[in-house]
N, C-alpha and C. Protein backbone atom coordinates (compact mmCIF):
# COMPACT_ATOMS: atom_id res chain seq x y z
N MET A 1 -60.48 -9.38 65.69
CA MET A 1 -60.97 -10.28 66.71
C MET A 1 -61.12 -9.56 68.04
N LYS A 2 -60.14 -8.72 68.40
CA LYS A 2 -60.21 -7.96 69.65
C LYS A 2 -61.47 -7.12 69.67
N ARG A 3 -61.78 -6.50 68.52
CA ARG A 3 -62.96 -5.65 68.42
C ARG A 3 -64.22 -6.46 68.72
N ASN A 4 -64.36 -7.64 68.09
CA ASN A 4 -65.54 -8.47 68.31
C ASN A 4 -65.64 -8.93 69.76
N ASN A 5 -64.50 -9.31 70.35
CA ASN A 5 -64.51 -9.72 71.76
C ASN A 5 -64.97 -8.58 72.65
N GLN A 6 -64.50 -7.37 72.36
CA GLN A 6 -64.88 -6.22 73.18
C GLN A 6 -66.36 -5.89 73.01
N ILE A 7 -66.87 -5.99 71.81
CA ILE A 7 -68.29 -5.74 71.59
C ILE A 7 -69.12 -6.75 72.36
N ARG A 8 -68.71 -8.03 72.31
CA ARG A 8 -69.44 -9.08 73.04
C ARG A 8 -69.39 -8.87 74.55
N SER A 9 -68.21 -8.51 75.08
CA SER A 9 -68.08 -8.43 76.54
C SER A 9 -68.62 -7.13 77.13
N THR A 10 -68.61 -6.03 76.35
CA THR A 10 -69.05 -4.75 76.90
C THR A 10 -70.27 -4.16 76.20
N GLY A 11 -70.55 -4.66 74.99
CA GLY A 11 -71.62 -4.06 74.20
C GLY A 11 -71.20 -2.76 73.55
N ILE A 12 -69.91 -2.41 73.63
CA ILE A 12 -69.40 -1.15 73.09
C ILE A 12 -68.45 -1.45 71.94
N ASP A 13 -68.67 -0.77 70.81
CA ASP A 13 -67.78 -0.89 69.66
C ASP A 13 -66.56 -0.01 69.91
N PRO A 14 -65.35 -0.58 69.97
CA PRO A 14 -64.16 0.23 70.25
C PRO A 14 -63.75 1.14 69.10
N GLU A 15 -64.30 0.94 67.92
CA GLU A 15 -63.94 1.78 66.78
C GLU A 15 -64.88 2.98 66.74
N VAL A 16 -64.59 3.95 67.61
CA VAL A 16 -65.47 5.11 67.77
C VAL A 16 -65.11 6.27 66.87
N MET A 17 -63.93 6.24 66.25
CA MET A 17 -63.52 7.38 65.42
C MET A 17 -64.50 7.63 64.29
N LYS A 18 -64.97 6.55 63.66
CA LYS A 18 -65.85 6.71 62.50
C LYS A 18 -67.22 7.27 62.86
N SER A 19 -67.64 7.13 64.10
CA SER A 19 -68.97 7.62 64.49
C SER A 19 -68.90 8.85 65.39
N SER A 20 -67.72 9.40 65.58
CA SER A 20 -67.55 10.56 66.45
C SER A 20 -68.25 11.79 65.88
N GLU A 21 -68.75 12.61 66.77
CA GLU A 21 -69.36 13.88 66.36
C GLU A 21 -68.34 15.01 66.37
N SER A 22 -67.14 14.74 66.86
CA SER A 22 -66.08 15.75 66.92
C SER A 22 -65.55 16.03 65.52
N ASN A 23 -65.44 17.31 65.17
CA ASN A 23 -64.90 17.68 63.87
C ASN A 23 -63.46 17.22 63.71
N VAL A 24 -62.69 17.27 64.79
CA VAL A 24 -61.29 16.83 64.72
C VAL A 24 -61.23 15.33 64.43
N GLN A 25 -62.07 14.54 65.10
CA GLN A 25 -62.06 13.10 64.87
C GLN A 25 -62.55 12.76 63.46
N LYS A 26 -63.55 13.50 62.97
CA LYS A 26 -64.01 13.29 61.59
C LYS A 26 -62.88 13.60 60.61
N PHE A 27 -62.16 14.68 60.87
CA PHE A 27 -61.03 15.06 60.03
C PHE A 27 -59.95 13.99 60.06
N MET A 28 -59.62 13.49 61.26
CA MET A 28 -58.59 12.45 61.40
C MET A 28 -59.01 11.19 60.65
N ASN A 29 -60.28 10.83 60.76
CA ASN A 29 -60.78 9.65 60.06
C ASN A 29 -60.64 9.83 58.55
N GLN A 30 -60.96 11.02 58.04
CA GLN A 30 -60.80 11.29 56.62
C GLN A 30 -59.34 11.24 56.20
N LEU A 31 -58.45 11.82 57.02
CA LEU A 31 -57.03 11.77 56.70
C LEU A 31 -56.53 10.34 56.61
N LEU A 32 -56.94 9.50 57.55
CA LEU A 32 -56.51 8.10 57.52
C LEU A 32 -57.06 7.38 56.29
N ARG A 33 -58.28 7.69 55.89
CA ARG A 33 -58.86 7.09 54.68
C ARG A 33 -58.07 7.53 53.44
N ILE A 34 -57.74 8.82 53.37
CA ILE A 34 -56.98 9.34 52.24
C ILE A 34 -55.60 8.68 52.20
N LEU A 35 -54.95 8.57 53.35
CA LEU A 35 -53.64 7.93 53.42
C LEU A 35 -53.71 6.48 52.95
N THR A 36 -54.75 5.77 53.37
CA THR A 36 -54.93 4.38 52.96
C THR A 36 -55.14 4.29 51.45
N ALA A 37 -56.00 5.16 50.91
CA ALA A 37 -56.24 5.16 49.46
C ALA A 37 -54.96 5.49 48.71
N TYR A 38 -54.21 6.46 49.20
CA TYR A 38 -52.94 6.85 48.59
C TYR A 38 -51.98 5.66 48.57
N ALA A 39 -51.89 4.96 49.70
CA ALA A 39 -50.99 3.80 49.78
C ALA A 39 -51.41 2.73 48.78
N CYS A 40 -52.71 2.47 48.66
CA CYS A 40 -53.19 1.47 47.70
C CYS A 40 -52.84 1.87 46.27
N ILE A 41 -53.07 3.13 45.93
CA ILE A 41 -52.75 3.61 44.59
C ILE A 41 -51.25 3.47 44.30
N ILE A 42 -50.45 3.85 45.29
CA ILE A 42 -48.99 3.75 45.13
C ILE A 42 -48.57 2.30 44.84
N PHE A 43 -49.12 1.36 45.61
CA PHE A 43 -48.74 -0.04 45.41
C PHE A 43 -49.23 -0.57 44.07
N ILE A 44 -50.41 -0.14 43.63
CA ILE A 44 -50.92 -0.58 42.33
C ILE A 44 -50.04 -0.03 41.22
N VAL A 45 -49.70 1.26 41.32
CA VAL A 45 -48.82 1.87 40.31
C VAL A 45 -47.48 1.15 40.28
N HIS A 46 -46.94 0.85 41.46
CA HIS A 46 -45.66 0.15 41.53
C HIS A 46 -45.77 -1.24 40.91
N ALA A 47 -46.88 -1.93 41.17
CA ALA A 47 -47.06 -3.29 40.63
C ALA A 47 -47.09 -3.30 39.11
N THR A 48 -47.49 -2.20 38.50
CA THR A 48 -47.53 -2.12 37.03
C THR A 48 -46.14 -1.90 36.45
N GLY A 49 -45.17 -1.62 37.32
CA GLY A 49 -43.81 -1.42 36.86
C GLY A 49 -43.50 0.02 36.50
N TYR A 50 -44.45 0.91 36.72
CA TYR A 50 -44.25 2.32 36.40
C TYR A 50 -43.30 2.94 37.43
N GLN A 51 -42.32 3.67 36.94
CA GLN A 51 -41.35 4.32 37.82
C GLN A 51 -41.49 5.83 37.66
N PHE A 52 -41.80 6.51 38.76
CA PHE A 52 -41.99 7.96 38.73
C PHE A 52 -40.95 8.61 39.61
N ALA A 53 -39.98 9.28 39.00
CA ALA A 53 -38.96 10.05 39.72
C ALA A 53 -38.31 9.26 40.86
N SER A 54 -38.00 8.03 40.62
CA SER A 54 -37.32 7.16 41.59
C SER A 54 -38.09 6.97 42.89
N MET A 55 -39.39 7.19 42.88
CA MET A 55 -40.18 7.05 44.10
C MET A 55 -40.24 5.60 44.58
N PHE A 56 -40.01 4.63 43.67
CA PHE A 56 -40.07 3.23 44.06
C PHE A 56 -38.70 2.55 44.07
N SER A 57 -37.67 3.30 43.77
CA SER A 57 -36.33 2.73 43.79
C SER A 57 -35.89 2.52 45.23
N ARG A 58 -35.36 1.34 45.48
CA ARG A 58 -34.90 1.03 46.84
C ARG A 58 -33.58 1.72 47.12
N PHE A 59 -33.41 2.12 48.38
CA PHE A 59 -32.15 2.68 48.86
C PHE A 59 -31.15 1.53 48.86
N GLU A 60 -30.20 1.55 47.94
CA GLU A 60 -29.33 0.40 47.67
C GLU A 60 -28.62 -0.20 48.89
N PRO A 61 -28.06 0.60 49.81
CA PRO A 61 -27.37 -0.04 50.94
C PRO A 61 -28.27 -0.98 51.77
N LEU A 62 -29.59 -0.78 51.70
CA LEU A 62 -30.51 -1.65 52.45
C LEU A 62 -31.16 -2.71 51.58
N ASN A 63 -30.70 -2.85 50.36
CA ASN A 63 -31.34 -3.74 49.39
C ASN A 63 -30.72 -5.14 49.43
N ASN A 64 -30.92 -5.83 50.57
CA ASN A 64 -30.47 -7.23 50.64
C ASN A 64 -31.30 -7.99 51.66
N LEU A 65 -31.17 -9.30 51.61
CA LEU A 65 -32.01 -10.19 52.42
C LEU A 65 -31.86 -9.94 53.92
N SER A 66 -30.66 -9.65 54.39
CA SER A 66 -30.48 -9.45 55.83
C SER A 66 -31.28 -8.25 56.33
N PHE A 67 -31.39 -7.19 55.53
CA PHE A 67 -32.21 -6.05 55.92
C PHE A 67 -33.70 -6.39 55.83
N ASP A 68 -34.07 -7.21 54.87
CA ASP A 68 -35.47 -7.65 54.78
C ASP A 68 -35.85 -8.44 56.03
N ILE A 69 -34.98 -9.33 56.45
CA ILE A 69 -35.25 -10.12 57.67
C ILE A 69 -35.28 -9.21 58.89
N GLY A 70 -34.32 -8.29 58.96
CA GLY A 70 -34.30 -7.33 60.08
C GLY A 70 -35.55 -6.48 60.11
N GLY A 71 -35.99 -5.99 58.95
CA GLY A 71 -37.22 -5.20 58.87
C GLY A 71 -38.44 -6.00 59.31
N PHE A 72 -38.47 -7.27 58.91
CA PHE A 72 -39.56 -8.14 59.32
C PHE A 72 -39.59 -8.29 60.84
N LEU A 73 -38.42 -8.52 61.44
CA LEU A 73 -38.35 -8.67 62.89
C LEU A 73 -38.72 -7.37 63.62
N ILE A 74 -38.29 -6.24 63.07
CA ILE A 74 -38.67 -4.95 63.65
C ILE A 74 -40.19 -4.78 63.57
N GLY A 75 -40.77 -5.12 62.42
CA GLY A 75 -42.22 -5.03 62.25
C GLY A 75 -42.97 -5.93 63.22
N ILE A 76 -42.49 -7.15 63.41
CA ILE A 76 -43.12 -8.08 64.37
C ILE A 76 -43.03 -7.52 65.78
N TRP A 77 -41.90 -6.92 66.13
CA TRP A 77 -41.74 -6.28 67.44
C TRP A 77 -42.78 -5.17 67.60
N GLY A 78 -42.95 -4.33 66.58
CA GLY A 78 -43.93 -3.26 66.64
C GLY A 78 -45.35 -3.80 66.80
N LEU A 79 -45.70 -4.82 66.01
CA LEU A 79 -47.03 -5.43 66.13
C LEU A 79 -47.24 -6.05 67.50
N SER A 80 -46.19 -6.68 68.04
CA SER A 80 -46.29 -7.29 69.36
C SER A 80 -46.52 -6.24 70.44
N LEU A 81 -45.82 -5.13 70.33
CA LEU A 81 -46.00 -4.02 71.27
C LEU A 81 -47.43 -3.49 71.18
N CYS A 82 -47.92 -3.35 69.97
CA CYS A 82 -49.31 -2.90 69.76
C CYS A 82 -50.29 -3.87 70.41
N ALA A 83 -50.12 -5.14 70.16
CA ALA A 83 -51.02 -6.15 70.72
C ALA A 83 -50.98 -6.13 72.24
N TYR A 84 -49.77 -6.07 72.80
CA TYR A 84 -49.63 -6.01 74.26
C TYR A 84 -50.39 -4.81 74.82
N ALA A 85 -50.19 -3.64 74.20
CA ALA A 85 -50.82 -2.41 74.69
C ALA A 85 -52.34 -2.50 74.62
N GLN A 86 -52.86 -3.06 73.54
CA GLN A 86 -54.30 -3.18 73.41
C GLN A 86 -54.87 -4.18 74.41
N ILE A 87 -54.17 -5.28 74.63
CA ILE A 87 -54.61 -6.27 75.62
C ILE A 87 -54.58 -5.65 77.01
N LYS A 88 -53.52 -4.91 77.32
CA LYS A 88 -53.38 -4.27 78.63
C LYS A 88 -54.50 -3.26 78.87
N MET A 89 -54.93 -2.56 77.83
CA MET A 89 -56.01 -1.59 77.98
C MET A 89 -57.36 -2.27 78.22
N GLY A 90 -57.48 -3.51 77.80
CA GLY A 90 -58.73 -4.25 78.03
C GLY A 90 -59.95 -3.53 77.49
N LYS A 91 -60.93 -3.34 78.34
CA LYS A 91 -62.20 -2.72 77.94
C LYS A 91 -62.06 -1.22 77.68
N SER A 92 -60.93 -0.63 78.01
CA SER A 92 -60.71 0.79 77.77
C SER A 92 -60.17 1.08 76.37
N TRP A 93 -59.79 0.04 75.62
CA TRP A 93 -59.20 0.24 74.31
C TRP A 93 -60.22 0.78 73.33
N ARG A 94 -59.84 1.83 72.59
CA ARG A 94 -60.69 2.44 71.57
C ARG A 94 -59.84 2.88 70.39
N VAL A 95 -60.46 2.94 69.22
CA VAL A 95 -59.85 3.56 68.05
C VAL A 95 -60.55 4.90 67.92
N GLY A 96 -59.87 5.94 68.38
CA GLY A 96 -60.49 7.26 68.41
C GLY A 96 -60.86 7.63 69.83
N ILE A 97 -61.56 8.74 69.95
CA ILE A 97 -61.95 9.26 71.25
C ILE A 97 -63.41 8.94 71.50
N ASP A 98 -63.67 8.19 72.56
CA ASP A 98 -65.03 7.81 72.92
C ASP A 98 -65.60 8.86 73.87
N GLU A 99 -66.41 9.74 73.34
CA GLU A 99 -66.96 10.83 74.13
C GLU A 99 -68.18 10.40 74.94
N LYS A 100 -68.68 9.18 74.68
CA LYS A 100 -69.91 8.74 75.33
C LYS A 100 -69.68 7.85 76.54
N VAL A 101 -68.58 7.11 76.55
CA VAL A 101 -68.33 6.15 77.62
C VAL A 101 -67.02 6.51 78.32
N LYS A 102 -67.08 6.72 79.62
CA LYS A 102 -65.85 7.01 80.38
C LYS A 102 -65.14 5.68 80.64
N THR A 103 -63.90 5.61 80.20
CA THR A 103 -63.10 4.41 80.40
C THR A 103 -62.13 4.62 81.55
N ASN A 104 -61.57 3.52 82.03
CA ASN A 104 -60.57 3.61 83.08
C ASN A 104 -59.26 4.15 82.52
N LEU A 105 -58.50 4.84 83.34
CA LEU A 105 -57.17 5.29 82.98
C LEU A 105 -56.20 4.16 83.30
N ILE A 106 -55.53 3.63 82.28
CA ILE A 106 -54.61 2.51 82.46
C ILE A 106 -53.21 3.08 82.70
N THR A 107 -52.62 2.72 83.84
CA THR A 107 -51.30 3.25 84.21
C THR A 107 -50.35 2.16 84.68
N SER A 108 -50.66 0.91 84.37
CA SER A 108 -49.79 -0.18 84.83
C SER A 108 -49.15 -0.87 83.63
N GLY A 109 -48.24 -1.79 83.92
CA GLY A 109 -47.51 -2.46 82.85
C GLY A 109 -46.63 -1.46 82.13
N LEU A 110 -46.57 -1.54 80.82
CA LEU A 110 -45.77 -0.61 80.03
C LEU A 110 -46.31 0.82 80.15
N TYR A 111 -47.61 0.95 80.42
CA TYR A 111 -48.22 2.27 80.59
C TYR A 111 -47.67 2.99 81.83
N LYS A 112 -46.97 2.28 82.67
CA LYS A 112 -46.32 2.91 83.82
C LYS A 112 -45.17 3.81 83.37
N PHE A 113 -44.61 3.51 82.19
CA PHE A 113 -43.43 4.24 81.70
C PHE A 113 -43.72 5.16 80.51
N ILE A 114 -44.66 4.74 79.65
CA ILE A 114 -45.02 5.57 78.50
C ILE A 114 -46.55 5.59 78.35
N ARG A 115 -47.04 6.68 77.79
CA ARG A 115 -48.49 6.84 77.68
C ARG A 115 -49.08 6.23 76.41
N ASN A 116 -48.27 5.97 75.41
CA ASN A 116 -48.81 5.56 74.12
C ASN A 116 -48.08 4.37 73.49
N PRO A 117 -48.04 3.23 74.17
CA PRO A 117 -47.31 2.09 73.58
C PRO A 117 -47.96 1.56 72.30
N THR A 118 -49.27 1.73 72.15
CA THR A 118 -49.91 1.28 70.90
C THR A 118 -49.34 2.05 69.73
N TYR A 119 -49.28 3.37 69.86
CA TYR A 119 -48.76 4.19 68.77
C TYR A 119 -47.26 3.95 68.57
N LEU A 120 -46.53 3.78 69.65
CA LEU A 120 -45.12 3.45 69.52
C LEU A 120 -44.95 2.16 68.70
N GLY A 121 -45.79 1.16 68.98
CA GLY A 121 -45.75 -0.08 68.22
C GLY A 121 -46.02 0.14 66.74
N LEU A 122 -46.97 1.02 66.42
CA LEU A 122 -47.25 1.33 65.03
C LEU A 122 -46.09 2.04 64.36
N PHE A 123 -45.43 2.95 65.11
CA PHE A 123 -44.26 3.63 64.56
C PHE A 123 -43.13 2.63 64.27
N ILE A 124 -42.91 1.70 65.21
CA ILE A 124 -41.88 0.68 65.02
C ILE A 124 -42.23 -0.21 63.83
N LEU A 125 -43.49 -0.60 63.70
CA LEU A 125 -43.94 -1.38 62.54
C LEU A 125 -43.61 -0.65 61.25
N ASN A 126 -43.87 0.65 61.21
CA ASN A 126 -43.57 1.42 60.00
C ASN A 126 -42.09 1.49 59.70
N ILE A 127 -41.26 1.54 60.72
CA ILE A 127 -39.81 1.49 60.50
C ILE A 127 -39.44 0.15 59.86
N GLY A 128 -40.04 -0.93 60.38
CA GLY A 128 -39.78 -2.26 59.80
C GLY A 128 -40.18 -2.34 58.34
N VAL A 129 -41.33 -1.78 58.00
CA VAL A 129 -41.78 -1.77 56.60
C VAL A 129 -40.78 -1.00 55.74
N TRP A 130 -40.30 0.14 56.24
CA TRP A 130 -39.33 0.92 55.47
C TRP A 130 -38.01 0.17 55.29
N VAL A 131 -37.57 -0.56 56.32
CA VAL A 131 -36.32 -1.32 56.19
C VAL A 131 -36.49 -2.43 55.14
N ILE A 132 -37.68 -3.02 55.08
CA ILE A 132 -37.95 -4.03 54.06
C ILE A 132 -38.04 -3.40 52.67
N TRP A 133 -38.71 -2.27 52.58
CA TRP A 133 -38.92 -1.61 51.29
C TRP A 133 -38.48 -0.15 51.40
N PRO A 134 -37.16 0.09 51.44
CA PRO A 134 -36.64 1.45 51.68
C PRO A 134 -36.72 2.33 50.44
N THR A 135 -37.89 2.92 50.24
CA THR A 135 -38.11 3.81 49.10
C THR A 135 -38.60 5.17 49.61
N TRP A 136 -38.51 6.16 48.73
CA TRP A 136 -39.05 7.48 49.09
C TRP A 136 -40.54 7.41 49.34
N THR A 137 -41.23 6.58 48.60
CA THR A 137 -42.69 6.46 48.75
C THR A 137 -43.05 5.96 50.15
N ILE A 138 -42.39 4.91 50.59
CA ILE A 138 -42.68 4.37 51.92
C ILE A 138 -42.27 5.38 52.99
N PHE A 139 -41.15 6.04 52.80
CA PHE A 139 -40.72 7.07 53.74
C PHE A 139 -41.79 8.16 53.87
N LEU A 140 -42.30 8.65 52.74
CA LEU A 140 -43.31 9.72 52.78
C LEU A 140 -44.63 9.23 53.39
N LEU A 141 -45.03 8.01 53.07
CA LEU A 141 -46.23 7.44 53.71
C LEU A 141 -46.05 7.35 55.22
N ASN A 142 -44.89 6.89 55.64
CA ASN A 142 -44.62 6.79 57.08
C ASN A 142 -44.61 8.15 57.74
N LEU A 143 -44.03 9.14 57.08
CA LEU A 143 -44.00 10.49 57.63
C LEU A 143 -45.42 11.03 57.80
N MET A 144 -46.26 10.86 56.80
CA MET A 144 -47.66 11.30 56.91
C MET A 144 -48.37 10.56 58.04
N PHE A 145 -48.12 9.27 58.15
CA PHE A 145 -48.74 8.46 59.20
C PHE A 145 -48.34 8.96 60.58
N VAL A 146 -47.06 9.24 60.77
CA VAL A 146 -46.57 9.74 62.06
C VAL A 146 -47.20 11.08 62.39
N ILE A 147 -47.30 11.96 61.42
CA ILE A 147 -47.91 13.27 61.67
C ILE A 147 -49.37 13.12 62.06
N ILE A 148 -50.10 12.28 61.33
CA ILE A 148 -51.52 12.07 61.64
C ILE A 148 -51.68 11.49 63.05
N LEU A 149 -50.87 10.49 63.40
CA LEU A 149 -51.00 9.90 64.73
C LEU A 149 -50.55 10.85 65.83
N GLU A 150 -49.57 11.68 65.54
CA GLU A 150 -49.14 12.66 66.55
C GLU A 150 -50.27 13.64 66.84
N ILE A 151 -51.00 14.06 65.82
CA ILE A 151 -52.16 14.92 66.04
C ILE A 151 -53.21 14.18 66.87
N GLN A 152 -53.45 12.92 66.54
CA GLN A 152 -54.42 12.11 67.27
C GLN A 152 -54.03 11.97 68.74
N VAL A 153 -52.76 11.72 69.00
CA VAL A 153 -52.28 11.57 70.38
C VAL A 153 -52.54 12.84 71.17
N ARG A 154 -52.27 13.98 70.59
CA ARG A 154 -52.47 15.25 71.30
C ARG A 154 -53.95 15.49 71.58
N CYS A 155 -54.82 15.11 70.64
CA CYS A 155 -56.26 15.22 70.88
C CYS A 155 -56.68 14.29 72.01
N GLU A 156 -56.15 13.07 72.01
CA GLU A 156 -56.48 12.12 73.07
C GLU A 156 -56.00 12.62 74.43
N GLU A 157 -54.81 13.22 74.46
CA GLU A 157 -54.29 13.74 75.73
C GLU A 157 -55.17 14.87 76.25
N ASP A 158 -55.64 15.75 75.38
CA ASP A 158 -56.56 16.81 75.80
C ASP A 158 -57.85 16.22 76.34
N PHE A 159 -58.37 15.21 75.66
CA PHE A 159 -59.60 14.55 76.09
C PHE A 159 -59.42 13.87 77.45
N LEU A 160 -58.31 13.15 77.61
CA LEU A 160 -58.06 12.45 78.87
C LEU A 160 -57.89 13.44 80.03
N THR A 161 -57.34 14.60 79.75
CA THR A 161 -57.22 15.64 80.78
C THR A 161 -58.62 16.09 81.21
N LYS A 162 -59.51 16.27 80.25
CA LYS A 162 -60.89 16.67 80.58
C LYS A 162 -61.62 15.59 81.38
N VAL A 163 -61.45 14.35 80.97
CA VAL A 163 -62.19 13.25 81.59
C VAL A 163 -61.62 12.86 82.95
N HIS A 164 -60.29 12.74 83.06
CA HIS A 164 -59.67 12.22 84.28
C HIS A 164 -59.03 13.30 85.15
N GLY A 165 -58.97 14.52 84.65
CA GLY A 165 -58.50 15.66 85.42
C GLY A 165 -57.13 15.49 86.04
N GLN A 166 -57.07 15.72 87.35
CA GLN A 166 -55.81 15.71 88.09
C GLN A 166 -55.11 14.35 88.03
N GLN A 167 -55.89 13.28 88.03
CA GLN A 167 -55.29 11.94 87.94
C GLN A 167 -54.48 11.80 86.65
N TYR A 168 -55.03 12.26 85.54
CA TYR A 168 -54.29 12.18 84.28
C TYR A 168 -53.10 13.13 84.27
N MET A 169 -53.27 14.33 84.81
CA MET A 169 -52.18 15.30 84.84
C MET A 169 -50.99 14.75 85.64
N GLU A 170 -51.26 14.09 86.77
CA GLU A 170 -50.18 13.48 87.55
C GLU A 170 -49.51 12.35 86.77
N TYR A 171 -50.33 11.53 86.12
CA TYR A 171 -49.81 10.44 85.30
C TYR A 171 -48.94 10.99 84.17
N LYS A 172 -49.42 12.03 83.53
CA LYS A 172 -48.70 12.66 82.43
C LYS A 172 -47.37 13.24 82.89
N SER A 173 -47.33 13.77 84.10
CA SER A 173 -46.10 14.39 84.60
C SER A 173 -45.02 13.36 84.94
N ARG A 174 -45.41 12.12 85.19
CA ARG A 174 -44.40 11.10 85.55
C ARG A 174 -44.09 10.11 84.43
N THR A 175 -44.74 10.28 83.27
CA THR A 175 -44.47 9.39 82.13
C THR A 175 -44.12 10.22 80.90
N LYS A 176 -43.61 9.55 79.92
CA LYS A 176 -43.29 10.18 78.64
C LYS A 176 -44.28 9.70 77.59
N ARG A 177 -44.34 10.41 76.50
CA ARG A 177 -45.32 10.09 75.46
C ARG A 177 -45.01 8.76 74.78
N TYR A 178 -43.76 8.54 74.37
CA TYR A 178 -43.41 7.31 73.64
C TYR A 178 -42.18 6.58 74.16
N ILE A 179 -41.14 7.34 74.52
CA ILE A 179 -39.86 6.73 74.89
C ILE A 179 -39.58 7.02 76.35
N PRO A 180 -39.47 5.99 77.20
CA PRO A 180 -39.26 6.24 78.63
C PRO A 180 -38.07 7.18 78.89
N PHE A 181 -38.28 8.12 79.77
CA PHE A 181 -37.27 9.07 80.23
C PHE A 181 -36.78 10.06 79.17
N ILE A 182 -37.30 9.96 77.93
CA ILE A 182 -36.80 10.83 76.84
C ILE A 182 -37.92 11.68 76.25
N TYR A 183 -38.91 11.03 75.61
CA TYR A 183 -39.99 11.77 74.96
C TYR A 183 -41.29 10.99 75.02
């Protein structure tokens, strides 16, 4: 819905990763597609009841309803953080690097303390999913997801430095990537 609203209000499709001419963005898009296909295959295999080297066995200490509820709440917190960050970015929100349209640098709200609350929200969501379904498979999917997004964040930071120059460098020097005052 956010995507459609942004297209209507600005005429710009925020999902620019798929149409990027950058080799890095094309590679990232392919990695995300592969990860998605891998996740689908894993869930289909699991649904058939096939067990491969305990990849779908739950970590027993977390195998109860209270952890499922906790994981759900953690996931909702992550999604809420993501939604907040995207709403705060307004017309500047993009999936990928938009090399054609210069957007505003957002530095207020939560962005005053961290540079990537959207990605932090996705990381928190993934923790929630793992708490609900604590298996090696979910752990490995989450690890791949974090690595892919970390590469994307670094590409975005390089791009923002080129586009916003000193303004972004000053912003970067007074904020952290994900966790205020830490990292």
